C-alpha atoms as a PDB file:
ATOM      1  CA  MET A   1     -20.818  27.126 -17.965  1.00  0.00           C
ATOM      2  CA  GLY A   2     -21.390  28.077 -14.130  1.00  0.00           C
ATOM      3  CA  LEU A   3     -19.216  26.319 -12.057  1.00  0.00           C
ATOM      4  CA  ASP A   4     -21.578  26.241  -9.253  1.00  0.00           C
ATOM      5  CA  ALA A   5     -23.280  23.171 -11.613  1.00  0.00           C
ATOM      6  CA  VAL A   6     -20.720  21.292 -12.705  1.00  0.00           C
ATOM      7  CA  ARG A   7     -19.836  17.460 -13.434  1.00  0.00           C
ATOM      8  CA  ILE A   8     -16.289  16.194 -13.842  1.00  0.00           C
ATOM      9  CA  LEU A   9     -14.850  12.720 -14.928  1.00  0.00           C
ATOM     10  CA  VAL A  10     -11.531  11.855 -12.504  1.00  0.00           C
ATOM     11  CA  THR A  11      -9.416   9.494 -13.868  1.00  0.00           C
ATOM     12  CA  GLY A  12      -6.982   7.725 -11.523  1.00  0.00           C
ATOM     13  CA  SER A  13      -9.930   9.400  -8.142  1.00  0.00           C
ATOM     14  CA  SER A  14      -8.237   7.135  -5.983  1.00  0.00           C
ATOM     15  CA  GLY A  15      -4.600   7.703  -6.569  1.00  0.00           C
ATOM     16  CA  LEU A  16      -2.175   9.884  -4.286  1.00  0.00           C
ATOM     17  CA  ILE A  17      -3.546  13.236  -5.519  1.00  0.00           C
ATOM     18  CA  GLY A  18      -6.920  12.000  -6.474  1.00  0.00           C
ATOM     19  CA  SER A  19      -8.133  11.136  -3.379  1.00  0.00           C
ATOM     20  CA  GLY A  20      -7.109  15.111  -1.783  1.00  0.00           C
ATOM     21  CA  LEU A  21      -8.469  16.684  -4.752  1.00  0.00           C
ATOM     22  CA  VAL A  22     -11.790  14.888  -4.853  1.00  0.00           C
ATOM     23  CA  PRO A  23     -13.060  15.865  -1.633  1.00  0.00           C
ATOM     24  CA  LEU A  24     -12.165  19.916  -2.432  1.00  0.00           C
ATOM     25  CA  MET A  25     -14.180  19.103  -5.576  1.00  0.00           C
ATOM     26  CA  GLU A  26     -17.265  17.954  -3.728  1.00  0.00           C
ATOM     27  CA  GLY A  27     -17.020  20.540  -1.043  1.00  0.00           C
ATOM     28  CA  MET A  28     -17.438  22.742  -4.203  1.00  0.00           C
ATOM     29  CA  GLY A  29     -21.268  21.220  -5.073  1.00  0.00           C
ATOM     30  CA  TRP A  30     -19.312  20.068  -7.846  1.00  0.00           C
ATOM     31  CA  GLU A  31     -20.817  16.463  -9.337  1.00  0.00           C
ATOM     32  CA  VAL A  32     -17.611  14.619  -9.243  1.00  0.00           C
ATOM     33  CA  ARG A  33     -17.701  10.541 -11.137  1.00  0.00           C
ATOM     34  CA  ARG A  34     -14.600   8.687 -10.197  1.00  0.00           C
ATOM     35  CA  LEU A  35     -13.034   6.428 -12.462  1.00  0.00           C
ATOM     36  CA  ASP A  36      -9.943   4.428 -10.932  1.00  0.00           C
ATOM     37  CA  ILE A  37      -8.891   0.529 -10.865  1.00  0.00           C
ATOM     38  CA  ARG A  38      -8.781   0.449  -7.063  1.00  0.00           C
ATOM     39  CA  ARG A  39     -11.787   0.555  -7.309  1.00  0.00           C
ATOM     40  CA  GLY A  40     -12.373  -2.565  -9.156  1.00  0.00           C
ATOM     41  CA  PRO A  41     -11.918  -4.011 -12.270  1.00  0.00           C
ATOM     42  CA  GLY A  42     -14.463  -2.675 -14.720  1.00  0.00           C
ATOM     43  CA  GLN A  43     -12.625   0.849 -13.776  1.00  0.00           C
ATOM     44  CA  ASN A  44      -9.692   0.124 -16.097  1.00  0.00           C
ATOM     45  CA  VAL A  45      -8.736   2.764 -18.714  1.00  0.00           C
ATOM     46  CA  LEU A  46      -7.696  -0.019 -20.886  1.00  0.00           C
ATOM     47  CA  THR A  47     -10.523  -1.649 -21.378  1.00  0.00           C
ATOM     48  CA  ALA A  48     -12.880  -1.568 -24.331  1.00  0.00           C
ATOM     49  CA  GLY A  49     -15.533   1.481 -23.712  1.00  0.00           C
ATOM     50  CA  VAL A  50     -14.976   2.000 -20.169  1.00  0.00           C
ATOM     51  CA  LEU A  51     -13.316   5.514 -20.816  1.00  0.00           C
ATOM     52  CA  GLU A  52     -16.661   6.366 -23.574  1.00  0.00           C
ATOM     53  CA  ARG A  53     -19.155   5.649 -20.520  1.00  0.00           C
ATOM     54  CA  ALA A  54     -17.246   7.669 -17.768  1.00  0.00           C
ATOM     55  CA  ALA A  55     -17.499  10.729 -20.158  1.00  0.00           C
ATOM     56  CA  GLU A  56     -20.975  10.711 -20.823  1.00  0.00           C
ATOM     57  CA  GLY A  57     -22.683  13.519 -20.064  1.00  0.00           C
ATOM     58  CA  VAL A  58     -19.463  15.541 -18.636  1.00  0.00           C
ATOM     59  CA  ASP A  59     -18.260  19.182 -18.455  1.00  0.00           C
ATOM     60  CA  GLY A  60     -14.382  18.564 -17.989  1.00  0.00           C
ATOM     61  CA  VAL A  61     -12.159  15.965 -17.148  1.00  0.00           C
ATOM     62  CA  VAL A  62      -9.482  15.657 -14.870  1.00  0.00           C
ATOM     63  CA  HIS A  63      -6.942  12.845 -16.280  1.00  0.00           C
ATOM     64  CA  LEU A  64      -4.155  11.737 -13.478  1.00  0.00           C
ATOM     65  CA  ALA A  65      -4.689   8.233 -14.265  1.00  0.00           C
ATOM     66  CA  ALA A  66      -1.163   6.487 -15.337  1.00  0.00           C
ATOM     67  CA  VAL A  67       1.656   4.331 -14.327  1.00  0.00           C
ATOM     68  CA  SER A  68       2.855   6.668 -12.553  1.00  0.00           C
ATOM     69  CA  ARG A  69       5.870   5.379 -10.889  1.00  0.00           C
ATOM     70  CA  VAL A  70       9.471   5.247 -13.205  1.00  0.00           C
ATOM     71  CA  VAL A  71      10.306   1.796 -11.699  1.00  0.00           C
ATOM     72  CA  TRP A  72       7.156   0.111 -12.911  1.00  0.00           C
ATOM     73  CA  ALA A  73       7.795   1.752 -16.298  1.00  0.00           C
ATOM     74  CA  GLU A  74      10.948   0.745 -16.268  1.00  0.00           C
ATOM     75  CA  ARG A  75       9.854  -2.864 -15.306  1.00  0.00           C
ATOM     76  CA  ASP A  76       6.691  -2.726 -18.101  1.00  0.00           C
ATOM     77  CA  PRO A  77       7.144   0.056 -21.085  1.00  0.00           C
ATOM     78  CA  ASP A  78       4.796  -1.646 -23.148  1.00  0.00           C
ATOM     79  CA  LEU A  79       1.598  -1.099 -20.266  1.00  0.00           C
ATOM     80  CA  CYS A  80       3.266   2.438 -19.867  1.00  0.00           C
ATOM     81  CA  ARG A  81       2.663   3.467 -22.976  1.00  0.00           C
ATOM     82  CA  ALA A  82      -0.483   1.759 -23.520  1.00  0.00           C
ATOM     83  CA  THR A  83      -1.702   3.592 -20.135  1.00  0.00           C
ATOM     84  CA  ASN A  84      -0.061   6.802 -20.751  1.00  0.00           C
ATOM     85  CA  VAL A  85      -0.378   7.168 -23.642  1.00  0.00           C
ATOM     86  CA  GLY A  86      -2.897   5.290 -25.374  1.00  0.00           C
ATOM     87  CA  SER A  87      -5.408   5.897 -22.797  1.00  0.00           C
ATOM     88  CA  LEU A  88      -4.944   9.569 -23.065  1.00  0.00           C
ATOM     89  CA  GLU A  89      -5.138   9.665 -27.271  1.00  0.00           C
ATOM     90  CA  ARG A  90      -8.367   7.476 -26.867  1.00  0.00           C
ATOM     91  CA  LEU A  91      -9.978   9.669 -24.241  1.00  0.00           C
ATOM     92  CA  LEU A  92      -8.807  12.953 -26.440  1.00  0.00           C
ATOM     93  CA  ARG A  93     -10.505  11.500 -29.757  1.00  0.00           C
ATOM     94  CA  ILE A  94     -13.967  10.670 -27.117  1.00  0.00           C
ATOM     95  CA  MET A  95     -13.739  14.442 -26.590  1.00  0.00           C
ATOM     96  CA  SER A  96     -13.088  15.743 -29.527  1.00  0.00           C
ATOM     97  CA  VAL A  97     -15.915  14.716 -31.294  1.00  0.00           C
ATOM     98  CA  ARG A  98     -18.761  15.806 -28.664  1.00  0.00           C
ATOM     99  CA  SER A  99     -20.479  19.034 -30.041  1.00  0.00           C
ATOM    100  CA  LEU A 100     -20.155  20.434 -26.623  1.00  0.00           C
ATOM    101  CA  ARG A 101     -16.328  19.510 -26.126  1.00  0.00           C
ATOM    102  CA  PRO A 102     -15.600  18.473 -22.769  1.00  0.00           C
ATOM    103  CA  TRP A 103     -12.406  20.872 -20.919  1.00  0.00           C
ATOM    104  CA  LEU A 104      -9.502  18.723 -19.938  1.00  0.00           C
ATOM    105  CA  VAL A 105      -6.947  18.880 -17.302  1.00  0.00           C
ATOM    106  CA  PHE A 106      -4.177  16.496 -17.860  1.00  0.00           C
ATOM    107  CA  ALA A 107      -1.532  16.089 -15.181  1.00  0.00           C
ATOM    108  CA  SER A 108       2.296  15.453 -16.036  1.00  0.00           C
ATOM    109  CA  SER A 109       5.586  15.563 -14.173  1.00  0.00           C
ATOM    110  CA  ARG A 110       9.265  17.355 -13.693  1.00  0.00           C
ATOM    111  CA  GLU A 111      10.111  13.884 -14.762  1.00  0.00           C
ATOM    112  CA  VAL A 112       9.527  15.435 -18.313  1.00  0.00           C
ATOM    113  CA  TYR A 113      12.618  17.646 -18.036  1.00  0.00           C
ATOM    114  CA  GLY A 114      15.128  15.276 -17.062  1.00  0.00           C
ATOM    115  CA  ASP A 115      18.112  16.439 -15.465  1.00  0.00           C
ATOM    116  CA  ALA A 116      18.203  19.946 -16.375  1.00  0.00           C
ATOM    117  CA  ASP A 117      20.919  22.392 -16.864  1.00  0.00           C
ATOM    118  CA  VAL A 118      19.748  25.242 -14.859  1.00  0.00           C
ATOM    119  CA  LEU A 119      17.917  25.223 -11.626  1.00  0.00           C
ATOM    120  CA  PRO A 120      15.493  26.330 -10.551  1.00  0.00           C
ATOM    121  CA  VAL A 121      13.542  25.046 -13.667  1.00  0.00           C
ATOM    122  CA  ARG A 122      11.121  26.954 -15.283  1.00  0.00           C
ATOM    123  CA  GLU A 123       8.123  25.862 -17.444  1.00  0.00           C
ATOM    124  CA  ASP A 124       9.750  26.798 -20.533  1.00  0.00           C
ATOM    125  CA  ALA A 125      13.020  25.038 -20.198  1.00  0.00           C
ATOM    126  CA  PRO A 126      13.801  21.813 -22.752  1.00  0.00           C
ATOM    127  CA  LEU A 127      12.263  18.475 -22.168  1.00  0.00           C
ATOM    128  CA  ILE A 128      14.475  16.099 -22.335  1.00  0.00           C
ATOM    129  CA  PRO A 129      13.088  13.020 -20.266  1.00  0.00           C
ATOM    130  CA  MET A 130      15.315  10.450 -19.058  1.00  0.00           C
ATOM    131  CA  ASN A 131      13.150   7.587 -18.123  1.00  0.00           C
ATOM    132  CA  VAL A 132      10.100   5.333 -19.832  1.00  0.00           C
ATOM    133  CA  TYR A 133       7.919   7.169 -17.549  1.00  0.00           C
ATOM    134  CA  GLY A 134       9.034  10.705 -18.502  1.00  0.00           C
ATOM    135  CA  ARG A 135       9.421   9.828 -21.915  1.00  0.00           C
ATOM    136  CA  SER A 136       5.492   8.484 -21.628  1.00  0.00           C
ATOM    137  CA  LYS A 137       4.606  12.378 -20.125  1.00  0.00           C
ATOM    138  CA  VAL A 138       6.303  14.105 -22.913  1.00  0.00           C
ATOM    139  CA  ALA A 139       4.292  12.450 -25.117  1.00  0.00           C
ATOM    140  CA  GLY A 140       0.845  12.619 -23.571  1.00  0.00           C
ATOM    141  CA  GLU A 141       1.915  16.142 -23.510  1.00  0.00           C
ATOM    142  CA  ARG A 142       1.878  16.638 -27.161  1.00  0.00           C
ATOM    143  CA  LEU A 143      -1.442  14.752 -27.676  1.00  0.00           C
ATOM    144  CA  VAL A 144      -2.925  17.155 -25.078  1.00  0.00           C
ATOM    145  CA  ALA A 145      -1.535  20.257 -26.979  1.00  0.00           C
ATOM    146  CA  GLN A 146      -2.569  19.257 -29.914  1.00  0.00           C
ATOM    147  CA  ALA A 147      -5.764  18.875 -28.939  1.00  0.00           C
ATOM    148  CA  ALA A 148      -6.011  22.355 -27.757  1.00  0.00           C
ATOM    149  CA  GLU A 149      -4.509  23.963 -31.137  1.00  0.00           C
ATOM    150  CA  ALA A 150      -7.393  22.260 -32.565  1.00  0.00           C
ATOM    151  CA  GLY A 151      -9.985  23.416 -30.107  1.00  0.00           C
ATOM    152  CA  LEU A 152     -10.493  21.338 -27.159  1.00  0.00           C
ATOM    153  CA  PRO A 153     -10.031  23.580 -24.312  1.00  0.00           C
ATOM    154  CA  ALA A 154      -7.014  21.974 -22.212  1.00  0.00           C
ATOM    155  CA  SER A 155      -4.888  22.709 -19.681  1.00  0.00           C
ATOM    156  CA  ILE A 156      -1.920  20.855 -18.221  1.00  0.00           C
ATOM    157  CA  CYS A 157       0.319  20.460 -15.277  1.00  0.00           C
ATOM    158  CA  ARG A 158       3.702  18.697 -13.631  1.00  0.00           C
ATOM    159  CA  PHE A 159       3.711  17.870 -10.337  1.00  0.00           C
ATOM    160  CA  SER A 160       6.969  17.831  -8.579  1.00  0.00           C
ATOM    161  CA  SER A 161       7.472  15.020  -5.436  1.00  0.00           C
ATOM    162  CA  VAL A 162       4.156  14.832  -4.033  1.00  0.00           C
ATOM    163  CA  TYR A 163       3.881  13.668  -0.286  1.00  0.00           C
ATOM    164  CA  GLY A 164       1.973  13.674   2.806  1.00  0.00           C
ATOM    165  CA  SER A 165      -0.257  10.978   2.493  1.00  0.00           C
ATOM    166  CA  VAL A 166      -0.951   7.749   4.368  1.00  0.00           C
ATOM    167  CA  GLY A 167      -2.520   5.879   1.660  1.00  0.00           C
ATOM    168  CA  ASP A 168       0.868   6.610  -0.532  1.00  0.00           C
ATOM    169  CA  HIS A 169       2.601   4.311  -2.099  1.00  0.00           C
ATOM    170  CA  ALA A 170       4.964   2.499   0.534  1.00  0.00           C
ATOM    171  CA  ASP A 171       8.070   2.749  -1.143  1.00  0.00           C
ATOM    172  CA  ARG A 172       7.907   5.856  -2.542  1.00  0.00           C
ATOM    173  CA  VAL A 173      10.809   7.986  -1.008  1.00  0.00           C
ATOM    174  CA  ALA A 174       9.569  10.797   1.395  1.00  0.00           C
ATOM    175  CA  MET A 175       6.516   7.682   2.402  1.00  0.00           C
ATOM    176  CA  ALA A 176       9.270   4.981   2.976  1.00  0.00           C
ATOM    177  CA  PHE A 177      11.289   7.285   5.310  1.00  0.00           C
ATOM    178  CA  ALA A 178       8.538   8.322   7.342  1.00  0.00           C
ATOM    179  CA  GLY A 179       7.435   4.839   7.474  1.00  0.00           C
ATOM    180  CA  ALA A 180      10.794   3.665   8.960  1.00  0.00           C
ATOM    181  CA  ALA A 181      10.923   6.710  11.304  1.00  0.00           C
ATOM    182  CA  ALA A 182       7.090   5.825  12.923  1.00  0.00           C
ATOM    183  CA  ARG A 183       7.722   2.050  13.064  1.00  0.00           C
ATOM    184  CA  GLY A 184      11.624   1.290  12.947  1.00  0.00           C
ATOM    185  CA  GLY A 185      13.346  -0.082  10.220  1.00  0.00           C
ATOM    186  CA  THR A 186      16.064   1.082   7.442  1.00  0.00           C
ATOM    187  CA  MET A 187      16.173   4.339   5.287  1.00  0.00           C
ATOM    188  CA  ARG A 188      17.996   3.132   2.276  1.00  0.00           C
ATOM    189  CA  VAL A 189      18.984   6.424   0.468  1.00  0.00           C
ATOM    190  CA  GLU A 190      19.664   5.606  -3.147  1.00  0.00           C
ATOM    191  CA  GLY A 191      21.973   8.915  -3.845  1.00  0.00           C
ATOM    192  CA  ALA A 192      22.164  10.790  -0.707  1.00  0.00           C
ATOM    193  CA  GLY A 193      22.870  14.013  -2.741  1.00  0.00           C
ATOM    194  CA  HIS A 194      20.018  13.798  -4.924  1.00  0.00           C
ATOM    195  CA  THR A 195      17.744  16.754  -5.004  1.00  0.00           C
ATOM    196  CA  PHE A 196      14.170  17.133  -4.839  1.00  0.00           C
ATOM    197  CA  ASP A 197      11.396  19.619  -4.902  1.00  0.00           C
ATOM    198  CA  PHE A 198       9.042  18.092  -2.422  1.00  0.00           C
ATOM    199  CA  THR A 199       5.133  19.279  -2.286  1.00  0.00           C
ATOM    200  CA  HIS A 200       2.723  18.340   0.228  1.00  0.00           C
ATOM    201  CA  VAL A 201      -0.681  16.674  -1.519  1.00  0.00           C
ATOM    202  CA  ASP A 202      -3.076  19.208   0.429  1.00  0.00           C
ATOM    203  CA  GLU A 203      -1.139  21.982  -1.378  1.00  0.00           C
ATOM    204  CA  VAL A 204      -1.004  20.043  -5.120  1.00  0.00           C
ATOM    205  CA  ALA A 205      -4.968  18.935  -4.569  1.00  0.00           C
ATOM    206  CA  GLU A 206      -5.336  22.897  -4.091  1.00  0.00           C
ATOM    207  CA  GLY A 207      -3.812  24.175  -6.777  1.00  0.00           C
ATOM    208  CA  LEU A 208      -4.982  21.599  -9.129  1.00  0.00           C
ATOM    209  CA  LEU A 209      -8.723  22.897  -8.437  1.00  0.00           C
ATOM    210  CA  ARG A 210      -7.541  26.179  -8.920  1.00  0.00           C
ATOM    211  CA  LEU A 211      -5.759  25.193 -12.826  1.00  0.00           C
ATOM    212  CA  VAL A 212      -9.737  23.109 -13.253  1.00  0.00           C
ATOM    213  CA  GLU A 213     -11.578  26.123 -11.776  1.00  0.00           C
ATOM    214  CA  ALA A 214      -9.441  28.351 -14.343  1.00  0.00           C
ATOM    215  CA  THR A 215      -9.386  25.992 -17.152  1.00  0.00           C
ATOM    216  CA  ALA A 216     -13.440  25.352 -17.050  1.00  0.00           C
ATOM    217  CA  ALA A 217     -14.196  29.312 -16.627  1.00  0.00           C
ATOM    218  CA  GLU A 218     -11.146  30.709 -19.474  1.00  0.00           C
ATOM    219  CA  GLY A 219     -10.291  27.634 -21.617  1.00  0.00           C
ATOM    220  CA  SER A 220      -6.796  26.150 -21.964  1.00  0.00           C
ATOM    221  CA  GLN A 221      -4.022  27.637 -19.377  1.00  0.00           C
ATOM    222  CA  PRO A 222      -0.064  27.734 -19.998  1.00  0.00           C
ATOM    223  CA  THR A 223       1.385  24.848 -18.710  1.00  0.00           C
ATOM    224  CA  VAL A 224       2.284  24.981 -15.071  1.00  0.00           C
ATOM    225  CA  HIS A 225       4.305  23.039 -12.562  1.00  0.00           C
ATOM    226  CA  PHE A 226       3.467  22.680  -9.120  1.00  0.00           C
ATOM    227  CA  ALA A 227       6.747  23.642  -6.837  1.00  0.00           C
ATOM    228  CA  SER A 228       7.635  24.891  -3.668  1.00  0.00           C
ATOM    229  CA  GLY A 229      11.037  25.979  -5.248  1.00  0.00           C
ATOM    230  CA  VAL A 230      13.222  24.753  -2.283  1.00  0.00           C
ATOM    231  CA  GLY A 231      15.489  21.814  -2.591  1.00  0.00           C
ATOM    232  CA  THR A 232      15.907  19.045  -0.237  1.00  0.00           C
ATOM    233  CA  THR A 233      18.679  16.122  -0.657  1.00  0.00           C
ATOM    234  CA  LEU A 234      17.577  12.708  -0.082  1.00  0.00           C
ATOM    235  CA  GLY A 235      20.635  12.528   2.743  1.00  0.00           C
ATOM    236  CA  GLU A 236      18.363  15.614   4.260  1.00  0.00           C
ATOM    237  CA  LEU A 237      15.487  14.213   3.895  1.00  0.00           C
ATOM    238  CA  ALA A 238      16.547  11.013   5.806  1.00  0.00           C
ATOM    239  CA  ALA A 239      18.162  12.723   8.517  1.00  0.00           C
ATOM    240  CA  LEU A 240      15.276  14.945   9.384  1.00  0.00           C
ATOM    241  CA  ALA A 241      13.097  11.700   9.036  1.00  0.00           C
ATOM    242  CA  ALA A 242      15.604  10.098  11.778  1.00  0.00           C
ATOM    243  CA  GLY A 243      15.353  13.222  13.794  1.00  0.00           C
ATOM    244  CA  GLN A 244      11.707  13.432  14.197  1.00  0.00           C
ATOM    245  CA  ALA A 245      11.790   9.075  14.519  1.00  0.00           C
ATOM    246  CA  LEU A 246       9.427   7.457  17.354  1.00  0.00           C
ATOM    247  CA  ALA A 247      11.079   4.233  16.951  1.00  0.00           C
ATOM    248  CA  PRO A 248      14.816   3.003  16.420  1.00  0.00           C
ATOM    249  CA  VAL A 249      15.943   3.686  12.502  1.00  0.00           C
ATOM    250  CA  THR A 250      19.061   3.439  10.637  1.00  0.00           C
ATOM    251  CA  ILE A 251      20.164   4.989   7.224  1.00  0.00           C
ATOM    252  CA  GLU A 252      22.127   3.661   4.583  1.00  0.00           C
ATOM    253  CA  ASP A 253      23.698   4.797   1.553  1.00  0.00           C
ATOM    254  CA  ALA A 254      22.743   2.750  -1.358  1.00  0.00           C
ATOM    255  CA  PRO A 255      23.932   3.488  -5.119  1.00  0.00           C
ATOM    256  CA  GLN A 256      21.861   5.582  -7.449  1.00  0.00           C
ATOM    257  CA  ARG A 257      19.668   3.959 -10.300  1.00  0.00           C
ATOM    258  CA  SER A 258      20.651   4.580 -13.894  1.00  0.00           C
ATOM    259  CA  TYR A 259      17.239   6.029 -14.635  1.00  0.00           C
ATOM    260  CA  ASP A 260      17.180   8.314 -12.072  1.00  0.00           C
ATOM    261  CA  VAL A 261      16.957  11.765 -12.565  1.00  0.00           C
ATOM    262  CA  ALA A 262      19.445  13.329 -10.103  1.00  0.00           C
ATOM    263  CA  ARG A 263      17.789  16.560  -9.473  1.00  0.00           C
ATOM    264  CA  PHE A 264      15.240  18.970  -9.731  1.00  0.00           C
ATOM    265  CA  VAL A 265      14.093  22.495  -7.916  1.00  0.00           C
ATOM    266  CA  GLY A 266      11.317  23.900  -9.669  1.00  0.00           C
ATOM    267  CA  ASP A 267      10.586  27.786 -10.264  1.00  0.00           C
ATOM    268  CA  PRO A 268       7.114  28.265  -8.512  1.00  0.00           C
ATOM    269  CA  ALA A 269       6.786  31.939 -10.170  1.00  0.00           C
ATOM    270  CA  LEU A 270       3.608  31.003 -12.828  1.00  0.00           C
ATOM    271  CA  ALA A 271       1.763  29.163 -11.048  1.00  0.00           C
ATOM    272  CA  GLU A 272       1.674  31.853  -8.308  1.00  0.00           C
ATOM    273  CA  ARG A 273       0.665  34.549 -10.718  1.00  0.00           C
ATOM    274  CA  LEU A 274      -1.668  32.456 -13.329  1.00  0.00           C
ATOM    275  CA  LEU A 275      -3.549  30.443 -10.222  1.00  0.00           C
ATOM    276  CA  GLY A 276      -2.464  33.059  -7.229  1.00  0.00           C
ATOM    277  CA  TRP A 277      -0.979  29.582  -5.477  1.00  0.00           C
ATOM    278  CA  ARG A 278       2.093  29.034  -3.711  1.00  0.00           C
ATOM    279  CA  ALA A 279       3.324  26.391  -1.781  1.00  0.00           C
ATOM    280  CA  VAL A 280       4.088  27.375   1.646  1.00  0.00           C
ATOM    281  CA  ARG A 281       3.899  24.288   4.495  1.00  0.00           C
ATOM    282  CA  ASP A 282       6.773  23.550   6.188  1.00  0.00           C
ATOM    283  CA  LEU A 283       8.710  19.857   4.744  1.00  0.00           C
ATOM    284  CA  GLY A 284       9.887  18.884   8.632  1.00  0.00           C
ATOM    285  CA  ALA A 285       6.220  19.957   9.408  1.00  0.00           C
ATOM    286  CA  GLY A 286       4.977  17.826   7.051  1.00  0.00           C
ATOM    287  CA  MET A 287       7.176  14.703   7.818  1.00  0.00           C
ATOM    288  CA  ASN A 288       6.424  15.427  11.022  1.00  0.00           C
ATOM    289  CA  LYS A 289       2.683  14.954  10.302  1.00  0.00           C
ATOM    290  CA  LEU A 290       3.238  11.881   8.135  1.00  0.00           C
ATOM    291  CA  ILE A 291       5.015   9.929  10.611  1.00  0.00           C
ATOM    292  CA  SER A 292       2.400  11.163  13.355  1.00  0.00           C
ATOM    293  CA  ASP A 293       0.001   9.769  10.849  1.00  0.00           C
ATOM    294  CA  LEU A 294       1.658   6.825   9.928  1.00  0.00           C
ATOM    295  CA  MET A 295       2.545   5.421  13.891  1.00  0.00           C
ATOM    296  CA  HIS A 296      -1.546   6.210  14.445  1.00  0.00           C
ATOM    297  CA  ALA A 297      -2.457   4.267  11.194  1.00  0.00           C
ATOM    298  CA  GLY A 298      -1.190   1.197  12.875  1.00  0.00           C
ATOM    299  CA  PRO A 299       0.984  -1.666  10.857  1.00  0.00           C
ATOM    300  CA  GLY A 300      -1.592  -2.453   8.653  1.00  0.00           C
ATOM    301  CA  ALA A 301      -1.183   0.834   6.679  1.00  0.00           C
ATOM    302  CA  ALA A 302       1.426   1.538   4.152  1.00  0.00           C
ATOM    303  CA  PRO A 303       4.368  -0.780   5.967  1.00  0.00           C
ATOM    304  CA  ALA A 304       7.610   1.359   4.826  1.00  0.00           C
ATOM    305  CA  LEU A 305      10.684  -0.072   5.535  1.00  0.00           C
ATOM    306  CA  SER A 306      12.780   1.173   2.817  1.00  0.00           C
ATOM    307  CA  ALA A 307      12.997   3.486  -0.441  1.00  0.00           C
ATOM    308  CA  ARG A 308      14.312   0.896  -2.427  1.00  0.00           C
ATOM    309  CA  ASP A 309      11.694   2.070  -5.406  1.00  0.00           C
ATOM    310  CA  GLY A 310      11.886   5.791  -4.094  1.00  0.00           C
ATOM    311  CA  ARG A 311      10.905   8.273  -6.146  1.00  0.00           C
END
């Protein structure tokens, strides 16, 4: 299959990463079929027949659709499992019976590692998830691995703390801090010492595109995470955003949640070796641009005033 003539289904196409990936694919001249519940109730992956119709005639699938927030999964575990595991199982079944099997790239998360004992974390570290969302992603990875063993070209990537778009959820931590810095408000820090690996959405989308190209051309690739290798505490992130604030802000410490991972820094070596990808954008510069973008977007866009629902 030539990469100059590709028809790709992107589930979760209107989400944070999908919104960054789709334009890159279309810029390559590829035909992208978008599927996202934000585009209308008829695009819910849980609705009978939706995945079957969407996957008809495609060369490959990038599966981003998910209950993608740790806090949402804790509030509705059944919906999380149905969406993150059940819909994936159905998609794999659809793909596996095709005479010409499409390839798959599955989006997982650094939540699968839980609180790793050793930093930076390599992709072969033990998977010890500590919340509903993380467990759903581990289950999804196992399904994909089984499908790959049965002959489906399939690759897995794991995202870290992706940030950088005004279209992000207002209460995700980087977005919440940037929103407060842009318009004024309180940065509520749930675990000031919690340490994460923040990666800009533009760079993550570029890495994902490279994984798509490799999977389409060569078949299944090793599991890879997109991480910078640089850790930043939530206290440091709040101070960074406050230092760039365009309006009065306050920083408020709050108790951590019992189901939150407390630390993750990823080893970027495999992504660089496999895909020639490395995150190079400075977090300060990325947050500065996000704060500026939010200010210019006006009060109707992502009115983030707290980080209560964080990661």
